[in-house]
Amino acid sequence: MEPTQKTIASHPSWVIRSDSVELAVTQLGGHSAPVTFYRRDKKPIRPYYVSPWANEGLKIDDPVLVPLRGDFFCMPFGAPSTYRGRSHVCHGESATKKWTLREAERRGPVTSLTLEMKTTNVPGRVTKTLQLVDGHNVIYKRHVLEGYSLRTSLGHHATLAMPETPGSVHLATSRMRLMQTAPTPVGDPRIGHYQSLAIARRFRDLSRVPLIWNEPKTGDCSALPQREGFTDLLGMFNAKTAGPAWATATFADERFLWFSLKDAAVLPATLLWISNRGRHSLPWLGRNRCLGIEDVCGYFAEGLADSARANPISKMGIPTCVKLSPRKPTAVNYIQGVVKVPRGFTKVHTVSFSSGQATFTAVGGQKATIDVCHEFLTGGELHP
């Protein structure tokens, strides 16, 4: 089977399809978007963000911003950093260099696309496998890291498009051990970057996050968009859980929710990058409205050096980097998907798992159930 090759928003991409989902992934950086869920319905759902500058031919210094869209795998995760004599760009080669097609195949109800990258800054190989299952409005993602001898931050950077209506997207996560705003400034007003959240402040409720000013003292980060003109970052670190850890964003007006599922032992943090027209330098130009829900192992978005060294989070026993060995491959399994929800469904209260299914229950009691092989997180295999 050969995947469709198509140039989308100026970037050559591979496209695969199931009966429910169409998925495009850029050859440069491996960014997954656009993705169409419920693709045969009268109202298909396309939740991922594609940067508005993709077709503008701008000179962009930060390579991860060139293809910026959808979800992408970062290694190392975080800001540009120099560690042990090696300099790393923002989010690493896996999010900024070209991938090579290894194979695409269909076996029964499962369609797979496998890509490969041999990294050069730190020699090794990353194998990316994206899988779709007929009847599932879900993407199954697996990255296998081989040949590396290093400690690194890593993770996924899902980027969702945000609507205009304030407070119409409701966020929820599984139980967190710790929540804190970014430890260093996210924006530099000297170049037109502005933030609203206070620096290095812990909080207990996503609806009451400390702000940089005195009145009001807190702001709501659980129902977005809010505070137009600012771009912010906060980190949440998972409590131990027996099943999959989860994050959800309910688009109440469009009546769907986006979700991610992960093994919190592998990806113990969820970062929120809340971009609401708060950056005015190139290529942002005050027009960027999106939400990053970033499931990672790292010290916020501070980069490899701060993640690999002892830091306030790692001193609490929460991993902020992964040790890779050339003797044993490391696999990162991850799930993203969409489910339609009934009228009145807003913030998710609980998620329950049964064999091959997940049920999302809202604070108002409404329920939405989706077919998903959540067991994939532990073994990386699909048995639909």
Protein backbone atom coordinates (compact mmCIF):
# COMPACT_ATOMS: atom_id res chain seq x y z
CA MET A 1 0.00 0.00 0.00
CA GLU A 2 1.26 3.48 -0.86
CA PRO A 3 0.08 6.48 1.16
CA THR A 4 -1.30 9.48 -0.70
CA GLN A 5 1.27 12.26 -1.07
CA LYS A 6 -0.15 15.74 -1.02
CA THR A 7 1.06 19.28 -0.40
CA ILE A 8 -1.09 20.81 2.34
CA ALA A 9 -0.59 24.41 3.47
CA SER A 10 2.75 24.47 1.58
CA HIS A 11 4.12 21.28 3.16
CA PRO A 12 4.48 17.91 1.41
CA SER A 13 2.57 15.41 3.52
CA TRP A 14 1.62 11.75 3.64
CA VAL A 15 -2.09 11.00 4.01
CA ILE A 16 -3.71 7.80 5.28
CA ARG A 17 -7.38 6.97 5.87
CA SER A 18 -9.65 4.61 7.72
CA ASP A 19 -13.42 4.56 7.35
CA SER A 20 -13.59 7.10 10.20
CA VAL A 21 -10.43 9.23 10.07
CA GLU A 22 -8.24 10.94 7.50
CA LEU A 23 -4.77 11.83 8.78
CA ALA A 24 -2.08 13.97 7.16
CA VAL A 25 1.48 14.15 8.51
CA THR A 26 4.11 16.56 7.21
CA GLN A 27 7.34 15.13 5.85
CA LEU A 28 9.16 17.98 7.59
CA GLY A 29 8.89 17.53 11.35
CA GLY A 30 6.19 14.84 11.30
CA HIS A 31 3.40 17.22 12.35
CA SER A 32 0.00 15.50 12.24
CA ALA A 33 -2.59 17.84 10.70
CA PRO A 34 -5.05 18.33 9.28
CA VAL A 35 -6.91 15.37 10.76
CA THR A 36 -10.56 14.76 9.96
CA PHE A 37 -12.54 12.65 12.44
CA TYR A 38 -16.03 11.32 11.60
CA ARG A 39 -14.90 12.00 8.06
CA ARG A 40 -18.00 10.57 6.38
CA ASP A 41 -20.49 12.44 8.56
CA LYS A 42 -22.36 15.56 7.44
CA LYS A 43 -20.36 17.51 10.03
CA PRO A 44 -16.83 16.07 10.19
CA ILE A 45 -14.55 17.33 12.97
CA ARG A 46 -11.13 18.91 12.37
CA PRO A 47 -9.78 19.95 15.79
CA TYR A 48 -6.11 20.65 15.05
CA TYR A 49 -4.46 23.98 14.45
CA VAL A 50 -2.54 24.84 11.27
CA SER A 51 -0.43 28.01 11.51
CA PRO A 52 -1.70 30.98 9.46
CA TRP A 53 1.79 31.71 8.10
CA ALA A 54 2.18 28.33 6.37
CA ASN A 55 1.54 29.83 2.91
CA GLU A 56 3.22 33.20 3.43
CA GLY A 57 6.84 32.39 2.64
CA LEU A 58 8.15 34.18 5.73
CA LYS A 59 11.73 33.80 6.90
CA ILE A 60 11.35 31.96 10.20
CA ASP A 61 14.30 31.49 12.52
CA ASP A 62 12.73 28.89 14.82
CA PRO A 63 12.53 25.69 12.72
CA VAL A 64 9.65 24.12 14.66
CA LEU A 65 7.44 27.05 13.64
CA VAL A 66 7.96 26.37 9.92
CA PRO A 67 5.51 23.42 9.69
CA LEU A 68 3.68 24.21 12.98
CA ARG A 69 0.40 22.29 13.09
CA GLY A 70 -1.41 19.51 14.92
CA ASP A 71 0.52 17.06 17.06
CA PHE A 72 4.23 16.30 16.83
CA PHE A 73 6.78 14.28 18.77
CA CYS A 74 9.56 16.25 20.46
CA MET A 75 13.00 14.95 21.47
CA PRO A 76 14.35 16.75 23.33
CA PHE A 77 11.21 18.56 24.39
CA GLY A 78 11.38 22.25 25.22
CA ALA A 79 13.20 25.45 24.49
CA PRO A 80 16.58 25.61 22.70
CA SER A 81 19.26 24.32 25.04
CA THR A 82 22.91 23.33 25.22
CA TYR A 83 23.70 20.23 27.24
CA ARG A 84 27.02 18.41 27.46
CA GLY A 85 28.43 20.32 24.53
CA ARG A 86 25.52 19.74 22.15
CA SER A 87 23.08 22.46 21.16
CA HIS A 88 19.47 21.49 20.52
CA VAL A 89 16.81 23.49 18.67
CA CYS A 90 13.36 23.99 20.14
CA HIS A 91 11.68 20.55 20.40
CA GLY A 92 14.57 18.77 18.70
CA GLU A 93 15.26 17.12 15.37
CA SER A 94 12.20 14.86 15.56
CA ALA A 95 9.95 17.94 15.24
CA THR A 96 12.05 19.91 12.76
CA LYS A 97 13.89 17.58 10.34
CA LYS A 98 12.64 15.47 7.43
CA TRP A 99 11.23 12.01 8.01
CA THR A 100 11.65 9.07 5.65
CA LEU A 101 8.79 6.79 4.65
CA ARG A 102 9.44 3.21 5.66
CA GLU A 103 6.10 1.61 4.84
CA ALA A 104 2.35 1.97 4.78
CA GLU A 105 0.07 -1.01 5.08
CA ARG A 106 -3.44 -2.16 5.80
CA ARG A 107 -4.11 -5.34 7.77
CA GLY A 108 -7.76 -6.08 8.41
CA PRO A 109 -9.28 -3.00 10.07
CA VAL A 110 -5.88 -1.39 10.84
CA THR A 111 -4.14 1.14 8.57
CA SER A 112 -0.55 2.00 9.49
CA LEU A 113 2.04 4.55 8.39
CA THR A 114 5.62 4.01 9.55
CA LEU A 115 8.27 6.73 9.24
CA GLU A 116 11.92 6.80 10.24
CA MET A 117 14.48 9.42 11.18
CA LYS A 118 18.17 8.93 11.83
CA THR A 119 19.10 11.86 14.04
CA THR A 120 22.57 13.36 13.71
CA ASN A 121 22.93 15.83 16.58
CA VAL A 122 22.73 12.85 18.94
CA PRO A 123 23.16 9.72 16.80
CA GLY A 124 20.28 7.28 16.92
CA ARG A 125 17.04 6.32 15.20
CA VAL A 126 13.42 7.23 15.84
CA THR A 127 10.66 5.12 14.29
CA LYS A 128 7.23 6.75 14.15
CA THR A 129 4.16 4.57 13.61
CA LEU A 130 0.71 6.12 13.20
CA GLN A 131 -2.26 3.77 13.15
CA LEU A 132 -5.97 4.10 12.41
CA VAL A 133 -8.63 1.48 13.14
CA ASP A 134 -11.90 1.26 11.23
CA GLY A 135 -14.76 2.44 13.44
CA HIS A 136 -12.44 4.28 15.84
CA ASN A 137 -12.19 8.09 15.79
CA VAL A 138 -8.76 7.70 17.28
CA ILE A 139 -5.07 7.99 16.32
CA TYR A 140 -2.67 5.48 17.85
CA LYS A 141 0.91 6.77 17.99
CA ARG A 142 4.09 4.88 18.79
CA HIS A 143 7.66 6.20 18.77
CA VAL A 144 10.53 3.75 19.24
CA LEU A 145 13.94 5.23 20.14
CA GLU A 146 16.99 3.10 19.35
CA GLY A 147 20.76 3.45 19.62
CA TYR A 148 20.76 6.40 22.03
CA SER A 149 22.90 6.82 25.10
CA LEU A 150 21.60 9.95 26.80
CA ARG A 151 19.14 11.49 29.19
CA THR A 152 16.51 13.52 27.41
CA SER A 153 13.21 15.30 27.78
CA LEU A 154 10.58 14.15 25.30
CA GLY A 155 6.87 14.18 24.60
CA HIS A 156 3.93 15.07 22.41
CA HIS A 157 2.83 18.58 21.48
CA ALA A 158 -0.82 18.48 20.44
CA THR A 159 -1.98 21.88 19.15
CA LEU A 160 -5.71 22.54 18.89
CA ALA A 161 -7.48 25.33 17.02
CA MET A 162 -9.51 27.57 19.33
CA PRO A 163 -12.89 29.19 18.63
CA GLU A 164 -13.68 32.88 19.05
CA THR A 165 -16.29 32.47 21.80
CA PRO A 166 -14.71 33.12 25.23
CA GLY A 167 -14.90 30.22 27.67
CA SER A 168 -16.47 27.77 25.22
CA VAL A 169 -13.72 25.10 25.46
CA HIS A 170 -13.75 23.27 28.79
CA LEU A 171 -10.58 21.53 29.99
CA ALA A 172 -10.20 18.64 32.41
CA THR A 173 -7.53 16.09 33.35
CA SER A 174 -7.11 13.03 35.50
CA ARG A 175 -5.90 13.69 39.04
CA MET A 176 -2.76 15.78 39.40
CA ARG A 177 -0.15 15.71 42.15
CA LEU A 178 1.14 19.21 41.47
CA MET A 179 0.12 22.21 39.34
CA GLN A 180 2.31 25.26 38.77
CA THR A 181 2.77 28.17 36.41
CA ALA A 182 5.97 28.31 34.34
CA PRO A 183 9.16 28.83 36.40
CA THR A 184 10.53 31.53 34.07
CA PRO A 185 8.90 34.25 31.95
CA VAL A 186 7.05 32.97 28.89
CA GLY A 187 6.94 36.30 27.13
CA ASP A 188 9.36 39.18 26.63
CA PRO A 189 7.41 42.44 26.25
CA ARG A 190 10.45 44.07 24.62
CA ILE A 191 9.70 42.03 21.49
CA GLY A 192 5.93 42.18 21.81
CA HIS A 193 5.37 38.95 23.76
CA TYR A 194 2.99 39.24 26.70
CA GLN A 195 1.88 36.83 29.43
CA SER A 196 -0.87 37.01 32.03
CA LEU A 197 0.03 34.19 34.46
CA ALA A 198 2.32 34.76 37.42
CA ILE A 199 5.73 33.09 37.46
CA ALA A 200 6.50 29.93 39.48
CA ARG A 201 3.26 29.92 41.46
CA ARG A 202 1.54 26.72 42.54
CA PHE A 203 -2.23 26.34 42.47
CA ARG A 204 -4.86 23.70 43.15
CA ASP A 205 -7.66 24.56 40.75
CA LEU A 206 -7.31 25.17 37.01
CA SER A 207 -10.12 27.72 37.28
CA ARG A 208 -8.10 29.83 39.78
CA VAL A 209 -4.55 30.28 38.46
CA PRO A 210 -2.39 33.15 39.86
CA LEU A 211 -2.05 36.16 37.55
CA ILE A 212 0.79 38.67 37.25
CA TRP A 213 -1.35 41.55 38.51
CA ASN A 214 -3.02 42.14 41.87
CA GLU A 215 -6.60 42.57 40.72
CA PRO A 216 -7.92 40.14 39.80
CA LYS A 217 -5.41 37.86 41.53
CA THR A 218 -6.44 34.69 39.69
CA GLY A 219 -7.71 33.76 36.25
CA ASP A 220 -9.65 30.87 34.74
CA CYS A 221 -7.60 28.42 32.65
CA SER A 222 -10.28 25.71 32.67
CA ALA A 223 -12.59 27.40 30.15
CA LEU A 224 -10.87 28.97 27.15
CA PRO A 225 -10.21 31.22 25.33
CA GLN A 226 -9.64 33.87 28.01
CA ARG A 227 -7.49 37.01 28.33
CA GLU A 228 -6.98 37.94 24.69
CA GLY A 229 -3.57 39.50 24.07
CA PHE A 230 -1.56 37.06 26.18
CA THR A 231 0.31 33.79 25.73
CA ASP A 232 0.86 31.58 28.79
CA LEU A 233 2.25 28.26 29.94
CA LEU A 234 1.48 26.12 32.97
CA GLY A 235 2.43 22.63 34.06
CA MET A 236 0.49 19.81 35.70
CA PHE A 237 2.16 16.67 37.05
CA ASN A 238 0.15 13.47 37.32
CA ALA A 239 -0.72 11.62 40.47
CA LYS A 240 -0.31 7.87 40.32
CA THR A 241 -3.18 6.10 38.62
CA ALA A 242 -4.09 2.48 37.94
CA GLY A 243 -5.28 3.10 34.39
CA PRO A 244 -4.56 5.57 31.60
CA ALA A 245 -4.02 9.20 32.49
CA TRP A 246 -6.15 11.55 30.42
CA ALA A 247 -6.69 15.12 29.30
CA THR A 248 -9.81 16.46 27.59
CA ALA A 249 -10.96 19.62 25.83
CA THR A 250 -14.73 19.85 25.31
CA PHE A 251 -15.82 22.15 22.48
CA ALA A 252 -19.29 22.79 23.86
CA ASP A 253 -20.68 24.79 20.94
CA GLU A 254 -19.48 22.21 18.38
CA ARG A 255 -20.56 19.32 20.66
CA PHE A 256 -17.40 17.25 20.63
CA LEU A 257 -14.49 16.59 22.92
CA TRP A 258 -10.86 15.96 22.06
CA PHE A 259 -8.92 13.66 24.36
CA SER A 260 -5.47 12.24 24.94
CA LEU A 261 -4.57 9.04 26.79
CA LYS A 262 -1.11 8.22 28.12
CA ASP A 263 0.90 6.15 30.55
CA ALA A 264 1.80 8.69 33.25
CA ALA A 265 4.86 6.66 34.21
CA VAL A 266 6.28 7.50 30.75
CA LEU A 267 4.81 11.00 30.26
CA PRO A 268 4.24 12.34 33.80
CA ALA A 269 3.41 15.95 32.89
CA THR A 270 0.72 17.77 30.94
CA LEU A 271 1.57 21.33 29.92
CA LEU A 272 -0.94 23.87 28.67
CA TRP A 273 0.37 26.37 26.13
CA ILE A 274 -2.40 28.96 25.98
CA SER A 275 -1.76 31.17 22.96
CA ASN A 276 -4.37 33.92 22.63
CA ARG A 277 -2.92 36.52 20.29
CA GLY A 278 -0.19 37.42 22.77
CA ARG A 279 2.86 37.51 20.49
CA HIS A 280 3.49 40.24 17.95
CA SER A 281 6.89 39.43 16.43
CA LEU A 282 7.26 37.41 13.23
CA PRO A 283 5.63 35.07 12.38
CA TRP A 284 2.99 35.50 15.14
CA LEU A 285 1.85 39.06 14.36
CA GLY A 286 -0.81 39.01 17.08
CA ARG A 287 -3.00 36.49 15.26
CA ASN A 288 -2.12 33.16 16.88
CA ARG A 289 -5.00 31.60 18.83
CA CYS A 290 -4.46 27.96 19.71
CA LEU A 291 -4.11 25.60 22.66
CA GLY A 292 -1.20 23.25 23.21
CA ILE A 293 -2.01 20.20 25.34
CA GLU A 294 1.47 18.76 25.71
CA ASP A 295 1.94 15.37 27.36
CA VAL A 296 5.63 15.18 28.17
CA CYS A 297 8.46 14.14 30.41
CA GLY A 298 10.29 17.40 31.07
CA TYR A 299 10.82 20.35 33.38
CA PHE A 300 8.03 22.49 31.97
CA ALA A 301 9.29 23.77 28.56
CA GLU A 302 12.68 24.85 29.87
CA GLY A 303 14.65 22.54 27.56
CA LEU A 304 17.00 19.60 27.87
CA ALA A 305 19.63 21.05 30.21
CA ASP A 306 17.14 22.06 32.92
CA SER A 307 15.19 18.82 32.49
CA ALA A 308 18.23 16.52 32.72
CA ARG A 309 19.75 18.26 35.73
CA ALA A 310 18.26 18.28 39.22
CA ASN A 311 15.37 20.74 39.38
CA PRO A 312 12.53 21.49 41.83
CA ILE A 313 10.23 18.96 40.15
CA SER A 314 12.72 16.09 39.90
CA LYS A 315 13.68 16.67 43.55
CA MET A 316 10.08 15.75 44.40
CA GLY A 317 10.57 12.36 42.76
CA ILE A 318 8.76 13.30 39.52
CA PRO A 319 10.85 12.37 36.45
CA THR A 320 11.70 15.24 34.11
CA CYS A 321 13.85 13.22 31.70
CA VAL A 322 14.12 9.72 30.29
CA LYS A 323 17.32 7.67 30.30
CA LEU A 324 17.88 6.05 26.90
CA SER A 325 20.20 3.09 26.47
CA PRO A 326 21.71 1.71 23.24
CA ARG A 327 21.15 -1.78 24.64
CA LYS A 328 17.36 -1.51 24.83
CA PRO A 329 14.88 0.43 22.67
CA THR A 330 12.50 2.81 24.42
CA ALA A 331 8.89 3.03 23.24
CA VAL A 332 6.49 5.90 23.80
CA ASN A 333 2.86 4.91 23.13
CA TYR A 334 0.16 7.55 22.96
CA ILE A 335 -3.49 8.00 21.94
CA GLN A 336 -5.49 10.99 20.72
CA GLY A 337 -9.06 11.07 19.55
CA VAL A 338 -12.43 12.78 19.31
CA VAL A 339 -15.91 11.82 20.49
CA LYS A 340 -19.20 13.57 19.82
CA VAL A 341 -21.07 14.61 22.97
CA PRO A 342 -24.74 15.29 23.76
CA ARG A 343 -26.16 18.77 24.20
CA GLY A 344 -25.22 20.31 27.55
CA PHE A 345 -22.03 18.24 27.90
CA THR A 346 -19.25 20.58 29.09
CA LYS A 347 -16.40 19.77 31.45
CA VAL A 348 -15.45 16.11 31.88
CA HIS A 349 -15.77 14.85 35.45
CA THR A 350 -14.61 11.25 35.13
CA VAL A 351 -13.37 8.79 32.51
CA SER A 352 -14.00 5.07 32.94
CA PHE A 353 -12.43 2.29 30.91
CA SER A 354 -13.78 -1.09 29.88
CA SER A 355 -12.46 -3.56 27.34
CA GLY A 356 -12.00 -1.61 24.10
CA GLN A 357 -13.98 1.42 25.25
CA ALA A 358 -13.78 4.66 27.22
CA THR A 359 -16.75 6.50 28.71
CA PHE A 360 -16.55 10.22 29.44
CA THR A 361 -18.96 11.56 32.07
CA ALA A 362 -19.56 15.30 32.32
CA VAL A 363 -20.06 17.30 35.51
CA GLY A 364 -23.76 17.42 34.60
CA GLY A 365 -23.99 13.63 34.30
CA GLN A 366 -24.13 13.38 30.49
CA LYS A 367 -22.10 10.53 29.01
CA ALA A 368 -20.22 9.86 25.78
CA THR A 369 -18.65 6.49 24.93
CA ILE A 370 -16.02 5.78 22.28
CA ASP A 371 -14.37 2.65 20.92
CA VAL A 372 -10.67 2.87 21.75
CA CYS A 373 -7.98 0.24 22.32
CA HIS A 374 -6.57 1.91 25.43
CA GLU A 375 -4.61 -1.26 26.15
CA PHE A 376 -2.30 -0.07 23.35
CA LEU A 377 -0.60 2.22 25.89
CA THR A 378 1.02 -0.66 27.76
CA GLY A 379 2.15 -2.91 24.92
CA GLY A 380 1.99 -0.86 21.74
CA GLU A 381 -0.16 -3.46 20.01
CA LEU A 382 -3.66 -3.18 18.59
CA HIS A 383 -6.28 -5.92 18.98
CA PRO A 384 -9.48 -4.27 17.76
